[in-house]
Every structure is written in structure tokens, then in C-alpha cells.
């Protein structure tokens, strides 16, 4: 089993900034990044944090069309991305997106797999592009 740690929850929303403001007002989160465009995945997103809680990444599609909104993915920190992909594959996960630079993570490598019926993002860094303050 790969050594993975839950890093954040990704939520796809219709209105990025309005939803971020609602999470700030209703749940005490605060935006920690400016909006960042991820051209590889066709989304724009922001990170939200709250003390003693899991981080949230809100994303919204760049293009119109039918999109599924709500839970988009669980993201796990993977110290060794290639090994994690192999081990998850052996255990039954299916690679959706092989390792590539993640624009929201200052171009550090990320990958997506489908595991246990959920989209899973594997990341290799806690760096966030557009960090505020």
C-alpha cells in the first residue's frame, strides 16, 4: 500500500468566487490563493484553508457545457508519485491522467486515478501557485 496522506478535497462549483465567499462566511475558511487557471485540466481554482481542518480546492470549468458539480476529487500527497501509481494500479485503481505538471502546484507533478469509485488526485508538493500573503 502506498504511503499517502490526505491533503485536500476538490469541489467543482459553478461560481468560484461566490462559493469561496460562502465558505468563508459560513464555515470560517479563508482563501489562501488567488484564482489560478489550470489549462491542462480546463479549470480555474482557489485554495481555502481553516485551522485544524482539511484544505479545500474549489474549481470551476473554463468552458461551458454539461459539467458535474459537487465533490470532484480527494487529493493525497504521494512522496513517490511513480511508485504510488504502480501500487494503486496493482490494487485496482485506473490511471485517468498520468504525471504532468500541475499549474495550481507551481508545476510540480500531479496525476489522477479512479479508485474505489472516486477521482483521486496524487500530488507531490504542498506548494500553491498564487499564494496570498
N, C-alpha and C. Protein backbone atom coordinates (compact mmCIF):
# COMPACT_ATOMS: atom_id res chain seq x y z
N UNK A 1 0.85 -1.18 0.00
CA UNK A 1 0.00 0.00 0.00
C UNK A 1 0.89 1.24 0.00
N UNK A 2 0.62 2.20 -0.90
CA UNK A 2 1.47 3.40 -0.95
C UNK A 2 1.31 4.28 0.29
N UNK A 3 2.35 5.02 0.59
CA UNK A 3 2.36 5.95 1.72
C UNK A 3 1.69 7.26 1.28
N UNK A 4 0.39 7.39 1.51
CA UNK A 4 -0.37 8.55 1.08
C UNK A 4 -0.99 9.26 2.27
N UNK A 5 -1.08 10.61 2.17
CA UNK A 5 -1.71 11.41 3.22
C UNK A 5 -2.73 12.33 2.57
N UNK A 6 -3.96 12.35 3.10
CA UNK A 6 -5.00 13.21 2.55
C UNK A 6 -4.55 14.67 2.66
N UNK A 7 -4.57 15.39 1.54
CA UNK A 7 -4.11 16.77 1.50
C UNK A 7 -5.26 17.76 1.38
N UNK A 8 -6.19 17.49 0.46
CA UNK A 8 -7.33 18.40 0.29
C UNK A 8 -8.48 17.70 -0.40
N UNK A 9 -9.62 18.36 -0.36
CA UNK A 9 -10.82 17.90 -1.05
C UNK A 9 -11.10 18.88 -2.18
N UNK A 10 -11.31 18.36 -3.38
CA UNK A 10 -11.61 19.19 -4.53
C UNK A 10 -13.11 19.21 -4.80
N UNK A 11 -13.66 20.41 -4.96
CA UNK A 11 -15.10 20.57 -5.19
C UNK A 11 -15.28 21.41 -6.45
N UNK A 12 -16.04 20.88 -7.41
CA UNK A 12 -16.32 21.64 -8.63
C UNK A 12 -17.59 22.46 -8.42
N UNK A 13 -17.48 23.77 -8.67
CA UNK A 13 -18.57 24.70 -8.39
C UNK A 13 -18.88 25.53 -9.63
N UNK A 14 -20.08 26.10 -9.65
CA UNK A 14 -20.48 26.95 -10.78
C UNK A 14 -19.82 28.33 -10.72
N UNK A 15 -19.81 28.94 -9.54
CA UNK A 15 -19.30 30.30 -9.37
C UNK A 15 -18.18 30.29 -8.33
N UNK A 16 -16.97 30.38 -8.82
CA UNK A 16 -15.79 30.20 -7.97
C UNK A 16 -15.73 31.18 -6.80
N UNK A 17 -15.72 32.47 -7.10
CA UNK A 17 -15.53 33.45 -6.03
C UNK A 17 -16.74 33.54 -5.10
N UNK A 18 -17.93 33.44 -5.65
CA UNK A 18 -19.13 33.47 -4.80
C UNK A 18 -19.14 32.27 -3.84
N UNK A 19 -18.75 31.11 -4.33
CA UNK A 19 -18.71 29.93 -3.47
C UNK A 19 -17.60 30.06 -2.42
N UNK A 20 -16.44 30.60 -2.83
CA UNK A 20 -15.35 30.82 -1.87
C UNK A 20 -15.82 31.76 -0.76
N UNK A 21 -16.50 32.82 -1.12
CA UNK A 21 -17.02 33.76 -0.12
C UNK A 21 -18.01 33.08 0.82
N UNK A 22 -18.83 32.20 0.29
CA UNK A 22 -19.80 31.48 1.13
C UNK A 22 -19.08 30.57 2.12
N UNK A 23 -18.03 29.87 1.69
CA UNK A 23 -17.27 29.01 2.60
C UNK A 23 -16.58 29.84 3.67
N UNK A 24 -16.14 31.04 3.30
CA UNK A 24 -15.52 31.93 4.29
C UNK A 24 -16.55 32.38 5.33
N UNK A 25 -17.69 32.81 4.86
CA UNK A 25 -18.74 33.34 5.74
C UNK A 25 -19.40 32.23 6.58
N UNK A 26 -19.70 31.10 5.96
CA UNK A 26 -20.45 30.06 6.64
C UNK A 26 -19.60 29.11 7.49
N UNK A 27 -18.38 28.84 7.03
CA UNK A 27 -17.60 27.78 7.68
C UNK A 27 -16.25 28.24 8.22
N UNK A 28 -15.93 29.52 8.08
CA UNK A 28 -14.70 30.04 8.64
C UNK A 28 -13.43 29.75 7.86
N UNK A 29 -13.59 29.30 6.62
CA UNK A 29 -12.41 29.11 5.77
C UNK A 29 -11.91 30.46 5.29
N UNK A 30 -10.65 30.50 4.80
CA UNK A 30 -10.13 31.72 4.19
C UNK A 30 -9.39 31.34 2.92
N UNK A 31 -9.51 32.21 1.94
CA UNK A 31 -8.78 31.99 0.69
C UNK A 31 -7.30 32.18 0.93
N UNK A 32 -6.50 31.23 0.44
CA UNK A 32 -5.06 31.35 0.60
C UNK A 32 -4.35 31.49 -0.75
N UNK A 33 -5.11 31.42 -1.84
CA UNK A 33 -4.53 31.67 -3.16
C UNK A 33 -5.47 32.56 -3.96
N UNK A 34 -4.88 33.29 -4.87
CA UNK A 34 -5.67 33.98 -5.89
C UNK A 34 -6.14 32.92 -6.88
N UNK A 35 -7.17 33.22 -7.68
CA UNK A 35 -7.59 32.25 -8.69
C UNK A 35 -6.45 31.93 -9.66
N UNK A 36 -6.29 30.65 -9.95
CA UNK A 36 -5.25 30.16 -10.86
C UNK A 36 -5.92 29.36 -11.96
N UNK A 37 -5.52 29.61 -13.20
CA UNK A 37 -6.05 28.87 -14.34
C UNK A 37 -5.18 27.63 -14.56
N UNK A 38 -5.84 26.50 -14.67
CA UNK A 38 -5.17 25.24 -14.99
C UNK A 38 -5.60 24.87 -16.40
N UNK A 39 -4.76 25.21 -17.38
CA UNK A 39 -5.11 24.98 -18.79
C UNK A 39 -5.14 23.50 -19.13
N UNK A 40 -4.31 22.70 -18.48
CA UNK A 40 -4.26 21.27 -18.80
C UNK A 40 -5.57 20.56 -18.45
N UNK A 41 -6.23 21.00 -17.39
CA UNK A 41 -7.48 20.36 -16.97
C UNK A 41 -8.70 21.24 -17.24
N UNK A 42 -8.49 22.42 -17.81
CA UNK A 42 -9.61 23.27 -18.20
C UNK A 42 -10.42 23.82 -17.05
N UNK A 43 -9.74 24.18 -15.96
CA UNK A 43 -10.45 24.74 -14.80
C UNK A 43 -9.69 25.95 -14.26
N UNK A 44 -10.39 26.71 -13.45
CA UNK A 44 -9.81 27.81 -12.67
C UNK A 44 -10.12 27.47 -11.22
N UNK A 45 -9.16 27.70 -10.32
CA UNK A 45 -9.40 27.28 -8.94
C UNK A 45 -8.73 28.15 -7.90
N UNK A 46 -9.19 27.98 -6.67
CA UNK A 46 -8.60 28.62 -5.50
C UNK A 46 -8.52 27.60 -4.37
N UNK A 47 -7.56 27.83 -3.49
CA UNK A 47 -7.46 27.01 -2.29
C UNK A 47 -8.00 27.78 -1.10
N UNK A 48 -8.67 27.05 -0.20
CA UNK A 48 -9.19 27.60 1.05
C UNK A 48 -8.60 26.78 2.19
N UNK A 49 -8.29 27.45 3.30
CA UNK A 49 -7.79 26.75 4.47
C UNK A 49 -8.50 27.22 5.73
N UNK A 50 -8.46 26.36 6.73
CA UNK A 50 -9.02 26.66 8.04
C UNK A 50 -8.17 25.89 9.05
N UNK A 51 -7.83 26.52 10.15
CA UNK A 51 -7.00 25.87 11.17
C UNK A 51 -7.64 24.55 11.61
N UNK A 52 -6.82 23.54 11.76
CA UNK A 52 -7.25 22.22 12.24
C UNK A 52 -8.30 21.57 11.35
N UNK A 53 -8.28 21.88 10.06
CA UNK A 53 -9.23 21.29 9.12
C UNK A 53 -8.52 20.97 7.81
N UNK A 54 -9.13 20.14 7.03
CA UNK A 54 -8.57 19.78 5.72
C UNK A 54 -8.73 20.96 4.76
N UNK A 55 -7.77 21.15 3.89
CA UNK A 55 -7.86 22.21 2.89
C UNK A 55 -8.89 21.86 1.83
N UNK A 56 -9.44 22.89 1.20
CA UNK A 56 -10.39 22.72 0.12
C UNK A 56 -9.82 23.37 -1.14
N UNK A 57 -10.07 22.74 -2.28
CA UNK A 57 -9.74 23.34 -3.57
C UNK A 57 -11.05 23.46 -4.33
N UNK A 58 -11.46 24.70 -4.57
CA UNK A 58 -12.66 24.94 -5.37
C UNK A 58 -12.22 25.14 -6.81
N UNK A 59 -12.89 24.46 -7.74
CA UNK A 59 -12.58 24.61 -9.15
C UNK A 59 -13.86 24.86 -9.93
N UNK A 60 -13.72 25.58 -11.04
CA UNK A 60 -14.85 25.80 -11.93
C UNK A 60 -14.36 25.61 -13.36
N UNK A 61 -15.17 25.00 -14.22
CA UNK A 61 -14.76 24.77 -15.60
C UNK A 61 -14.53 26.08 -16.36
N UNK A 62 -13.56 26.06 -17.27
CA UNK A 62 -13.29 27.23 -18.11
C UNK A 62 -14.25 27.31 -19.29
N UNK A 63 -14.79 26.18 -19.70
CA UNK A 63 -15.66 26.18 -20.87
C UNK A 63 -17.08 25.80 -20.49
N UNK A 64 -18.05 26.33 -21.25
CA UNK A 64 -19.43 25.97 -20.98
C UNK A 64 -19.69 24.51 -21.37
N UNK A 65 -20.78 24.00 -20.90
CA UNK A 65 -21.14 22.63 -21.25
C UNK A 65 -21.70 21.91 -20.06
N UNK A 66 -22.09 20.69 -20.27
CA UNK A 66 -22.60 19.92 -19.13
C UNK A 66 -21.45 19.50 -18.22
N UNK A 67 -21.51 19.91 -16.98
CA UNK A 67 -20.48 19.57 -16.00
C UNK A 67 -21.14 19.01 -14.75
N UNK A 68 -20.45 18.11 -14.10
CA UNK A 68 -20.92 17.58 -12.83
C UNK A 68 -20.36 18.46 -11.72
N UNK A 69 -21.23 18.99 -10.87
CA UNK A 69 -20.80 19.85 -9.78
C UNK A 69 -20.89 19.09 -8.47
N UNK A 70 -20.07 19.49 -7.52
CA UNK A 70 -20.02 18.83 -6.23
C UNK A 70 -18.64 18.23 -6.02
N UNK A 71 -18.57 17.15 -5.24
CA UNK A 71 -17.28 16.52 -4.97
C UNK A 71 -16.61 16.15 -6.28
N UNK A 72 -15.40 16.63 -6.49
CA UNK A 72 -14.66 16.33 -7.71
C UNK A 72 -13.56 15.31 -7.45
N UNK A 73 -12.83 15.48 -6.34
CA UNK A 73 -11.75 14.54 -6.04
C UNK A 73 -11.29 14.66 -4.60
N UNK A 74 -10.61 13.61 -4.16
CA UNK A 74 -9.83 13.63 -2.94
C UNK A 74 -8.38 13.68 -3.38
N UNK A 75 -7.58 14.51 -2.75
CA UNK A 75 -6.18 14.64 -3.13
C UNK A 75 -5.28 14.10 -2.03
N UNK A 76 -4.35 13.26 -2.42
CA UNK A 76 -3.41 12.67 -1.48
C UNK A 76 -1.99 13.08 -1.85
N UNK A 77 -1.20 13.40 -0.83
CA UNK A 77 0.22 13.67 -1.00
C UNK A 77 0.91 12.32 -1.17
N UNK A 78 1.69 12.21 -2.24
CA UNK A 78 2.43 10.98 -2.54
C UNK A 78 3.92 11.31 -2.58
N UNK A 79 4.69 10.85 -1.60
CA UNK A 79 6.13 11.14 -1.60
C UNK A 79 6.82 10.63 -2.86
N UNK A 80 6.33 9.51 -3.42
CA UNK A 80 6.90 8.94 -4.64
C UNK A 80 5.73 8.66 -5.59
N UNK A 81 5.50 9.58 -6.51
CA UNK A 81 4.34 9.52 -7.39
C UNK A 81 4.34 8.27 -8.26
N UNK A 82 5.47 7.94 -8.86
CA UNK A 82 5.53 6.77 -9.75
C UNK A 82 5.23 5.48 -9.00
N UNK A 83 5.82 5.32 -7.83
CA UNK A 83 5.56 4.11 -7.03
C UNK A 83 4.10 4.04 -6.60
N UNK A 84 3.53 5.19 -6.20
CA UNK A 84 2.13 5.21 -5.78
C UNK A 84 1.22 4.78 -6.93
N UNK A 85 1.50 5.27 -8.14
CA UNK A 85 0.68 4.89 -9.31
C UNK A 85 0.77 3.39 -9.58
N UNK A 86 1.97 2.82 -9.48
CA UNK A 86 2.13 1.38 -9.70
C UNK A 86 1.37 0.60 -8.65
N UNK A 87 1.56 0.96 -7.38
CA UNK A 87 0.91 0.23 -6.29
C UNK A 87 -0.61 0.36 -6.36
N UNK A 88 -1.10 1.55 -6.66
CA UNK A 88 -2.55 1.73 -6.78
C UNK A 88 -3.09 0.95 -7.97
N UNK A 89 -2.34 0.93 -9.07
CA UNK A 89 -2.76 0.16 -10.24
C UNK A 89 -2.86 -1.32 -9.94
N UNK A 90 -1.89 -1.86 -9.23
CA UNK A 90 -1.92 -3.27 -8.84
C UNK A 90 -3.14 -3.55 -7.96
N UNK A 91 -3.50 -2.58 -7.13
CA UNK A 91 -4.65 -2.75 -6.23
C UNK A 91 -5.99 -2.50 -6.92
N UNK A 92 -5.97 -2.08 -8.21
CA UNK A 92 -7.22 -1.94 -8.95
C UNK A 92 -7.58 -0.54 -9.37
N UNK A 93 -6.77 0.45 -9.04
CA UNK A 93 -7.06 1.82 -9.48
C UNK A 93 -6.72 1.96 -10.96
N UNK A 94 -7.42 2.87 -11.64
CA UNK A 94 -7.20 3.12 -13.06
C UNK A 94 -6.67 4.53 -13.24
N UNK A 95 -5.55 4.67 -13.93
CA UNK A 95 -4.96 5.99 -14.17
C UNK A 95 -5.83 6.76 -15.15
N UNK A 96 -6.24 7.97 -14.75
CA UNK A 96 -7.02 8.87 -15.61
C UNK A 96 -6.13 9.88 -16.30
N UNK A 97 -5.11 10.35 -15.58
CA UNK A 97 -4.19 11.35 -16.10
C UNK A 97 -2.80 11.03 -15.57
N UNK A 98 -1.85 10.66 -16.44
CA UNK A 98 -0.51 10.33 -15.97
C UNK A 98 0.19 11.56 -15.41
N UNK A 99 1.32 11.37 -14.75
CA UNK A 99 2.04 12.51 -14.16
C UNK A 99 2.31 13.62 -15.18
N UNK A 100 1.98 14.83 -14.76
CA UNK A 100 2.24 16.02 -15.57
C UNK A 100 2.31 17.21 -14.63
N UNK A 101 2.90 18.32 -15.08
CA UNK A 101 2.98 19.49 -14.21
C UNK A 101 1.59 20.01 -13.84
N UNK A 102 1.40 20.29 -12.57
CA UNK A 102 0.14 20.85 -12.08
C UNK A 102 0.27 22.34 -11.89
N UNK A 103 -0.44 23.09 -12.69
CA UNK A 103 -0.31 24.56 -12.65
C UNK A 103 -0.68 25.16 -11.30
N UNK A 104 -1.64 24.57 -10.60
CA UNK A 104 -2.01 25.10 -9.28
C UNK A 104 -0.97 24.74 -8.22
N UNK A 105 -0.02 23.87 -8.57
CA UNK A 105 1.02 23.42 -7.64
C UNK A 105 2.40 23.85 -8.13
N UNK A 106 2.49 25.02 -8.74
CA UNK A 106 3.76 25.55 -9.26
C UNK A 106 4.46 24.57 -10.18
N UNK A 107 3.67 23.87 -10.97
CA UNK A 107 4.16 22.93 -11.99
C UNK A 107 4.87 21.69 -11.44
N UNK A 108 4.70 21.40 -10.16
CA UNK A 108 5.15 20.11 -9.63
C UNK A 108 4.23 19.03 -10.20
N UNK A 109 4.71 17.79 -10.27
CA UNK A 109 3.94 16.72 -10.89
C UNK A 109 2.71 16.32 -10.09
N UNK A 110 1.62 16.07 -10.83
CA UNK A 110 0.38 15.54 -10.27
C UNK A 110 -0.12 14.44 -11.21
N UNK A 111 -1.01 13.61 -10.72
CA UNK A 111 -1.66 12.59 -11.54
C UNK A 111 -3.06 12.37 -10.98
N UNK A 112 -3.95 11.83 -11.81
CA UNK A 112 -5.29 11.48 -11.37
C UNK A 112 -5.54 10.00 -11.61
N UNK A 113 -6.19 9.36 -10.63
CA UNK A 113 -6.61 7.97 -10.78
C UNK A 113 -8.08 7.87 -10.36
N UNK A 114 -8.71 6.81 -10.79
CA UNK A 114 -10.05 6.48 -10.33
C UNK A 114 -9.88 5.29 -9.41
N UNK A 115 -10.27 5.45 -8.16
CA UNK A 115 -10.08 4.40 -7.16
C UNK A 115 -11.30 4.34 -6.25
N UNK A 116 -11.82 3.15 -6.05
CA UNK A 116 -12.96 2.95 -5.15
C UNK A 116 -14.13 3.85 -5.52
N UNK A 117 -14.31 4.11 -6.82
CA UNK A 117 -15.44 4.91 -7.28
C UNK A 117 -15.27 6.41 -7.14
N UNK A 118 -14.05 6.87 -6.82
CA UNK A 118 -13.79 8.28 -6.57
C UNK A 118 -12.59 8.73 -7.41
N UNK A 119 -12.65 9.97 -7.92
CA UNK A 119 -11.47 10.55 -8.56
C UNK A 119 -10.48 10.90 -7.45
N UNK A 120 -9.22 10.52 -7.66
CA UNK A 120 -8.16 10.79 -6.68
C UNK A 120 -7.03 11.53 -7.39
N UNK A 121 -6.66 12.67 -6.83
CA UNK A 121 -5.52 13.42 -7.32
C UNK A 121 -4.33 13.06 -6.45
N UNK A 122 -3.22 12.74 -7.08
CA UNK A 122 -1.98 12.48 -6.36
C UNK A 122 -1.06 13.66 -6.60
N UNK A 123 -0.57 14.26 -5.52
CA UNK A 123 0.30 15.43 -5.63
C UNK A 123 1.61 15.14 -4.92
N UNK A 124 2.62 15.96 -5.22
CA UNK A 124 3.94 15.72 -4.67
C UNK A 124 4.48 16.89 -3.86
N UNK A 125 3.67 17.93 -3.68
CA UNK A 125 4.14 19.14 -3.00
C UNK A 125 3.00 19.82 -2.27
N UNK A 126 3.35 20.62 -1.28
CA UNK A 126 2.34 21.46 -0.63
C UNK A 126 2.40 22.90 -1.14
N UNK A 127 3.22 23.14 -2.17
CA UNK A 127 3.30 24.48 -2.78
C UNK A 127 2.00 24.78 -3.51
N UNK A 128 1.57 26.05 -3.46
CA UNK A 128 0.35 26.50 -4.13
C UNK A 128 0.68 27.75 -4.92
N UNK A 129 0.38 27.74 -6.21
CA UNK A 129 0.61 28.94 -7.03
C UNK A 129 -0.41 30.01 -6.63
N UNK A 130 0.03 31.26 -6.63
CA UNK A 130 -0.85 32.37 -6.32
C UNK A 130 -1.11 32.56 -4.85
N UNK A 131 -0.25 31.99 -3.99
CA UNK A 131 -0.47 32.12 -2.54
C UNK A 131 -0.56 33.58 -2.14
N UNK A 132 -1.54 33.86 -1.31
CA UNK A 132 -1.78 35.21 -0.81
C UNK A 132 -1.03 35.37 0.51
N UNK A 133 -0.30 36.45 0.64
CA UNK A 133 0.37 36.76 1.91
C UNK A 133 1.51 35.95 2.22
